[in-house]
Amino acid sequence: MLPVLGFLADGNDHRPDEVEEALGRKFHLTKEEQATLLPSGKQRRFANRANWAGSYLRQAGLIESPQRGVWRISAKGKQVLAERPERIDIKFLERFPEFVEFRAPKRDEERSVQAPTSQETASGETPEELLETVHEKLQGDLQAELLRRVKAASPRFFEELVIDLLVKMGYGGTRRDAGQAIGRSGDGGIDGIIKEDALGLDAVYVQAKRWDAGTIGRPEIQKFAGALQGHRARKGVFITTAEFTQEARSFVQSIDSKIVLIDGRELVGLMLRHGVGVTIKNSYEVKQVDSDYFSEE
């Protein structure tokens, strides 16, 4: 927040993207660092922090917005800079009644959604980052539990799971088509053949192995690749609850056939993304002000 206020010290009007660009230069950030996304992948982390810094400074009355999309330092902001503070954070801003009022929950039921001041101050994360950090932790715990359940399931259940997932991802045609295709072949290292799309313009050969422990190495993948060649097939998917060795992953990069390897972590990640084996417990919406609505131009 201090660098944002310092950049605005010239008293001129600046757009948030100008401030962000100046901060990038000040911190010597590379383009890659500035492009780093939040875990959700929907917003750049650096832009998120710069905008929240401006929002907090505005709520404290240290900067003002004379028009939409424009920041300018206020008289109060100039007074703060004259004090030569070493740091401006949430604790610093709590000296201003406007900011305290902004942060104070208006009703008892809002207390549960108000981010703890001490946590924000200690972590330096924005509210979105705090939410996404908690969400990542919950997702990680859920993935671990999912993988444990999948490994404990029967081979037949695992085949059904693979069918459900592939259909949800858009492969295999109908559920009935995929169910008839997978778990019936067992021909030379191939567990089934599914349609790549609803029209069946191409075929994808599938190998599904539920392993409780251990890794899958190059020999298993070579066997699968050989089975593809025997069927003059070009595409294959090897799905397992185990992990692949680096030799196995390197091997699929060196052959003509396109083989996709999906290990246990990737499998449960796809299950979460496509809603297989999970249900929605709670759903929260994060809304923001619609600036266009309030524009009187």
Protein backbone atom coordinates (compact mmCIF):
# COMPACT_ATOMS: atom_id res chain seq x y z
CA MET A 1 0.00 0.00 0.00
CA LEU A 2 2.86 2.41 0.71
CA PRO A 3 4.33 2.09 -2.82
CA VAL A 4 0.88 2.76 -4.31
CA LEU A 5 0.45 5.90 -2.24
CA GLY A 6 4.02 6.94 -3.03
CA PHE A 7 3.42 6.68 -6.77
CA LEU A 8 0.35 8.89 -6.46
CA ALA A 9 2.33 11.52 -4.53
CA ASP A 10 2.66 13.69 -7.66
CA GLY A 11 -0.98 14.69 -7.20
CA ASN A 12 -1.95 13.74 -10.76
CA ASP A 13 -4.75 11.43 -11.83
CA HIS A 14 -3.61 7.90 -12.62
CA ARG A 15 -5.34 4.79 -13.87
CA PRO A 16 -4.88 1.58 -11.83
CA ASP A 17 -2.99 -0.04 -14.71
CA GLU A 18 -0.47 2.82 -14.63
CA VAL A 19 0.04 2.22 -10.92
CA GLU A 20 0.47 -1.50 -11.51
CA GLU A 21 3.02 -0.90 -14.27
CA ALA A 22 5.01 1.48 -12.03
CA LEU A 23 5.01 -0.99 -9.15
CA GLY A 24 6.21 -3.74 -11.47
CA ARG A 25 9.22 -1.61 -12.35
CA LYS A 26 9.83 -0.65 -8.72
CA PHE A 27 9.89 -4.28 -7.60
CA HIS A 28 11.88 -5.39 -10.70
CA LEU A 29 9.27 -8.00 -11.54
CA THR A 30 9.59 -10.04 -14.71
CA LYS A 31 6.67 -10.41 -17.11
CA GLU A 32 6.26 -13.98 -15.90
CA GLU A 33 6.05 -12.87 -12.27
CA GLN A 34 3.49 -10.20 -13.12
CA ALA A 35 1.47 -12.76 -15.08
CA THR A 36 1.26 -15.28 -12.20
CA LEU A 37 -2.38 -16.17 -11.60
CA LEU A 38 -4.33 -16.78 -8.43
CA PRO A 39 -5.14 -20.47 -7.81
CA SER A 40 -8.52 -19.97 -9.51
CA GLY A 41 -6.75 -18.91 -12.70
CA LYS A 42 -9.20 -16.04 -13.16
CA GLN A 43 -7.05 -13.08 -12.12
CA ARG A 44 -3.41 -12.08 -11.98
CA ARG A 45 -2.07 -12.09 -8.41
CA PHE A 46 -0.09 -8.85 -8.85
CA ALA A 47 -3.05 -6.96 -10.30
CA ASN A 48 -5.27 -8.29 -7.53
CA ARG A 49 -2.91 -7.00 -4.83
CA ALA A 50 -2.46 -3.61 -6.51
CA ASN A 51 -6.22 -3.14 -6.81
CA TRP A 52 -6.87 -4.16 -3.21
CA ALA A 53 -4.14 -1.78 -2.05
CA GLY A 54 -5.90 1.03 -3.89
CA SER A 55 -9.28 -0.03 -2.53
CA TYR A 56 -8.07 -0.02 1.09
CA LEU A 57 -6.32 3.33 0.68
CA ARG A 58 -9.50 4.78 -0.80
CA GLN A 59 -11.64 3.45 2.05
CA ALA A 60 -9.24 5.07 4.52
CA GLY A 61 -9.52 8.37 2.67
CA LEU A 62 -5.86 8.47 1.62
CA ILE A 63 -6.70 8.43 -2.07
CA GLU A 64 -9.81 9.48 -3.95
CA SER A 65 -11.43 8.55 -7.21
CA PRO A 66 -12.58 11.71 -9.03
CA GLN A 67 -14.02 9.55 -11.80
CA ARG A 68 -14.39 5.91 -12.66
CA GLY A 69 -11.07 4.14 -13.14
CA VAL A 70 -8.95 7.02 -11.83
CA TRP A 71 -6.94 7.34 -8.59
CA ARG A 72 -5.59 10.52 -7.02
CA ILE A 73 -3.89 11.14 -3.68
CA SER A 74 -5.96 13.10 -1.16
CA ALA A 75 -4.87 15.80 1.27
CA LYS A 76 -4.97 13.19 4.03
CA GLY A 77 -2.78 10.92 1.93
CA LYS A 78 -0.20 13.68 1.51
CA GLN A 79 -0.16 14.17 5.28
CA VAL A 80 0.51 10.46 5.77
CA LEU A 81 3.43 10.50 3.32
CA ALA A 82 4.83 13.55 5.14
CA GLU A 83 5.11 11.34 8.23
CA ARG A 84 7.50 9.09 6.25
CA PRO A 85 5.95 5.80 7.40
CA GLU A 86 8.05 2.66 6.95
CA ARG A 87 4.99 0.60 6.09
CA ILE A 88 1.29 1.02 5.45
CA ASP A 89 -0.82 -2.05 6.22
CA ILE A 90 -4.24 -2.82 7.65
CA LYS A 91 -3.08 -2.13 11.20
CA PHE A 92 -1.80 1.29 10.09
CA LEU A 93 -5.09 2.12 8.36
CA GLU A 94 -7.09 1.33 11.49
CA ARG A 95 -6.17 4.77 12.82
CA PHE A 96 -8.71 6.21 10.36
CA PRO A 97 -12.39 5.99 11.44
CA GLU A 98 -13.59 5.62 7.84
CA PHE A 99 -11.53 2.47 7.40
CA VAL A 100 -12.65 1.02 10.72
CA GLU A 101 -16.26 1.64 9.71
CA PHE A 102 -15.63 0.01 6.34
CA ARG A 103 -14.19 -3.08 8.01
CA ALA A 104 -16.74 -3.37 10.82
CA PRO A 105 -19.46 -6.02 10.29
CA LYS A 106 -22.88 -4.40 10.20
CA ARG A 107 -24.81 -7.39 11.54
CA ASP A 108 -23.95 -10.39 13.67
CA GLU A 109 -24.43 -12.77 10.74
CA GLU A 110 -21.78 -10.90 8.77
CA ARG A 111 -19.08 -11.60 11.35
CA SER A 112 -18.50 -15.04 9.92
CA VAL A 113 -17.55 -13.63 6.50
CA GLN A 114 -15.38 -10.77 7.75
CA ALA A 115 -11.73 -11.69 7.16
CA PRO A 116 -9.71 -11.53 10.41
CA THR A 117 -7.57 -8.41 10.49
CA SER A 118 -4.70 -10.19 12.24
CA GLN A 119 -4.63 -12.92 9.60
CA GLU A 120 -4.52 -10.45 6.72
CA THR A 121 -1.83 -8.40 8.44
CA ALA A 122 0.33 -11.45 9.12
CA SER A 123 -0.01 -13.11 5.72
CA GLY A 124 -0.07 -10.05 3.48
CA GLU A 125 -2.73 -11.76 1.37
CA THR A 126 -5.73 -10.04 -0.15
CA PRO A 127 -9.25 -11.27 0.73
CA GLU A 128 -9.43 -13.21 -2.56
CA GLU A 129 -6.09 -14.85 -1.81
CA LEU A 130 -7.24 -15.83 1.68
CA LEU A 131 -10.39 -17.40 0.25
CA GLU A 132 -8.47 -19.25 -2.42
CA THR A 133 -5.83 -20.44 0.07
CA VAL A 134 -8.57 -21.98 2.22
CA HIS A 135 -10.25 -23.40 -0.89
CA GLU A 136 -6.98 -25.00 -2.03
CA LYS A 137 -6.55 -26.62 1.39
CA LEU A 138 -10.08 -28.03 1.29
CA GLN A 139 -9.53 -29.27 -2.27
CA GLY A 140 -6.27 -30.93 -1.30
CA ASP A 141 -7.87 -32.76 1.60
CA LEU A 142 -10.76 -33.81 -0.62
CA GLN A 143 -8.44 -35.13 -3.33
CA ALA A 144 -6.53 -37.21 -0.77
CA GLU A 145 -9.78 -38.72 0.51
CA LEU A 146 -11.03 -39.37 -3.02
CA LEU A 147 -7.83 -41.19 -3.99
CA ARG A 148 -8.01 -43.30 -0.83
CA ARG A 149 -11.60 -44.30 -1.66
CA VAL A 150 -10.77 -45.09 -5.29
CA LYS A 151 -7.81 -47.28 -4.32
CA ALA A 152 -10.00 -49.17 -1.86
CA ALA A 153 -12.72 -49.82 -4.45
CA SER A 154 -13.09 -53.02 -6.47
CA PRO A 155 -11.65 -53.31 -10.00
CA ARG A 156 -15.19 -53.38 -11.43
CA PHE A 157 -16.10 -50.18 -9.57
CA PHE A 158 -12.95 -48.57 -10.92
CA GLU A 159 -14.01 -49.45 -14.47
CA GLU A 160 -17.40 -47.84 -13.85
CA LEU A 161 -15.69 -44.75 -12.45
CA VAL A 162 -13.51 -44.47 -15.57
CA ILE A 163 -16.60 -44.76 -17.75
CA ASP A 164 -18.43 -42.04 -15.81
CA LEU A 165 -15.42 -39.72 -16.00
CA LEU A 166 -14.78 -40.18 -19.70
CA VAL A 167 -18.44 -39.59 -20.54
CA LYS A 168 -18.50 -36.44 -18.37
CA MET A 169 -15.43 -35.25 -20.26
CA GLY A 170 -17.22 -35.69 -23.57
CA TYR A 171 -15.75 -39.02 -24.70
CA GLY A 172 -17.37 -42.35 -25.33
CA GLY A 173 -20.66 -41.20 -26.85
CA THR A 174 -23.49 -42.19 -24.51
CA ARG A 175 -23.09 -43.80 -21.09
CA ARG A 176 -24.36 -47.04 -22.56
CA ASP A 177 -21.88 -46.94 -25.46
CA ALA A 178 -18.96 -46.36 -23.13
CA GLY A 179 -20.12 -49.02 -20.70
CA GLN A 180 -20.22 -51.59 -23.47
CA ALA A 181 -16.79 -50.58 -24.73
CA ILE A 182 -14.73 -50.56 -21.54
CA GLY A 183 -14.01 -53.61 -19.44
CA ARG A 184 -14.97 -56.03 -22.19
CA SER A 185 -11.91 -56.28 -24.39
CA GLY A 186 -8.88 -57.40 -22.37
CA ASP A 187 -7.16 -57.81 -25.70
CA GLY A 188 -3.38 -57.47 -25.56
CA GLY A 189 -3.17 -54.79 -22.87
CA ILE A 190 -6.31 -52.90 -23.92
CA ASP A 191 -9.30 -52.64 -21.59
CA GLY A 192 -11.62 -50.91 -24.01
CA ILE A 193 -12.19 -48.71 -27.03
CA ILE A 194 -14.31 -45.56 -26.85
CA LYS A 195 -15.42 -42.90 -29.28
CA GLU A 196 -13.37 -39.71 -29.23
CA ASP A 197 -16.56 -37.72 -29.80
CA ALA A 198 -20.31 -38.26 -29.98
CA LEU A 199 -20.11 -38.99 -33.72
CA GLY A 200 -17.36 -41.56 -33.36
CA LEU A 201 -15.02 -39.88 -35.87
CA ASP A 202 -12.02 -41.45 -34.15
CA ALA A 203 -11.36 -44.10 -31.51
CA VAL A 204 -9.44 -43.87 -28.25
CA TYR A 205 -8.02 -47.05 -26.71
CA VAL A 206 -8.16 -47.24 -22.92
CA GLN A 207 -6.15 -49.08 -20.28
CA ALA A 208 -7.36 -48.70 -16.69
CA LYS A 209 -5.38 -50.10 -13.75
CA ARG A 210 -6.35 -49.73 -10.09
CA TRP A 211 -3.18 -50.20 -8.06
CA ASP A 212 -3.06 -49.80 -4.29
CA ALA A 213 0.62 -48.90 -4.23
CA GLY A 214 3.79 -48.78 -6.32
CA THR A 215 4.54 -47.15 -9.65
CA ILE A 216 3.93 -47.98 -13.29
CA GLY A 217 7.12 -48.06 -15.32
CA ARG A 218 8.12 -48.10 -18.94
CA PRO A 219 7.47 -51.84 -19.57
CA GLU A 220 3.73 -51.46 -18.87
CA ILE A 221 3.50 -48.45 -21.19
CA GLN A 222 5.51 -50.22 -23.89
CA LYS A 223 3.06 -53.11 -23.71
CA PHE A 224 0.16 -50.69 -24.12
CA ALA A 225 1.89 -48.93 -27.03
CA GLY A 226 2.48 -52.28 -28.70
CA ALA A 227 -1.20 -53.14 -28.35
CA LEU A 228 -2.08 -49.85 -30.04
CA GLN A 229 0.23 -50.63 -32.94
CA GLY A 230 -1.34 -54.06 -33.24
CA HIS A 231 -4.71 -52.37 -33.78
CA ARG A 232 -3.23 -49.64 -36.00
CA ALA A 233 -4.49 -47.21 -33.38
CA ARG A 234 -3.12 -43.68 -32.94
CA LYS A 235 -4.55 -42.59 -29.59
CA GLY A 236 -4.60 -44.14 -26.15
CA VAL A 237 -5.28 -43.23 -22.53
CA PHE A 238 -3.65 -45.06 -19.64
CA ILE A 239 -5.48 -44.36 -16.37
CA THR A 240 -4.25 -45.57 -13.00
CA THR A 241 -4.47 -44.86 -9.29
CA ALA A 242 -0.69 -45.24 -8.99
CA GLU A 243 2.12 -42.98 -10.24
CA PHE A 244 4.14 -43.22 -13.45
CA THR A 245 7.91 -43.31 -13.39
CA GLN A 246 9.85 -40.63 -15.26
CA GLU A 247 11.00 -43.32 -17.71
CA ALA A 248 7.38 -44.10 -18.52
CA ARG A 249 6.54 -40.44 -19.12
CA SER A 250 9.65 -39.95 -21.25
CA PHE A 251 8.77 -42.99 -23.34
CA VAL A 252 5.36 -41.64 -24.44
CA GLN A 253 7.10 -38.47 -25.66
CA SER A 254 9.38 -40.49 -27.94
CA ILE A 255 6.79 -42.51 -29.90
CA ASP A 256 4.46 -41.65 -32.76
CA SER A 257 1.28 -42.81 -31.03
CA LYS A 258 -0.42 -40.24 -28.82
CA ILE A 259 -0.67 -41.75 -25.34
CA VAL A 260 -2.00 -39.72 -22.42
CA LEU A 261 -0.96 -40.87 -18.94
CA ILE A 262 -3.34 -40.07 -16.06
CA ASP A 263 -2.02 -40.94 -12.61
CA GLY A 264 -3.88 -40.98 -9.31
CA ARG A 265 -3.51 -37.26 -8.57
CA GLU A 266 -4.61 -36.27 -12.06
CA LEU A 267 -7.50 -38.73 -11.90
CA VAL A 268 -9.02 -37.27 -8.73
CA GLY A 269 -8.38 -33.76 -10.07
CA LEU A 270 -10.46 -34.61 -13.13
CA MET A 271 -13.13 -36.16 -10.91
CA LEU A 272 -13.42 -32.89 -9.00
CA ARG A 273 -13.49 -30.78 -12.13
CA HIS A 274 -16.21 -32.85 -13.77
CA GLY A 275 -18.25 -33.69 -10.66
CA VAL A 276 -17.65 -37.44 -10.49
CA GLY A 277 -17.93 -38.96 -7.01
CA VAL A 278 -18.43 -35.58 -5.33
CA THR A 279 -21.34 -33.32 -4.46
CA ILE A 280 -21.46 -29.59 -3.72
CA LYS A 281 -21.58 -29.00 0.03
CA ASN A 282 -21.64 -25.19 0.02
CA SER A 283 -21.42 -22.52 -2.63
CA TYR A 284 -20.29 -18.92 -2.11
CA GLU A 285 -20.51 -16.00 -4.53
CA VAL A 286 -17.95 -13.19 -4.47
CA LYS A 287 -19.48 -10.10 -6.01
CA GLN A 288 -18.03 -6.70 -6.87
CA VAL A 289 -19.46 -3.29 -7.61
CA ASP A 290 -20.70 -2.85 -11.19
CA SER A 291 -18.98 0.41 -12.11
CA ASP A 292 -20.94 0.69 -15.37
CA TYR A 293 -24.18 0.74 -13.42
CA PHE A 294 -23.12 3.83 -11.48
CA SER A 295 -21.69 5.65 -14.49
CA GLU A 296 -23.77 8.77 -15.26
CA GLU A 297 -21.97 9.57 -18.51
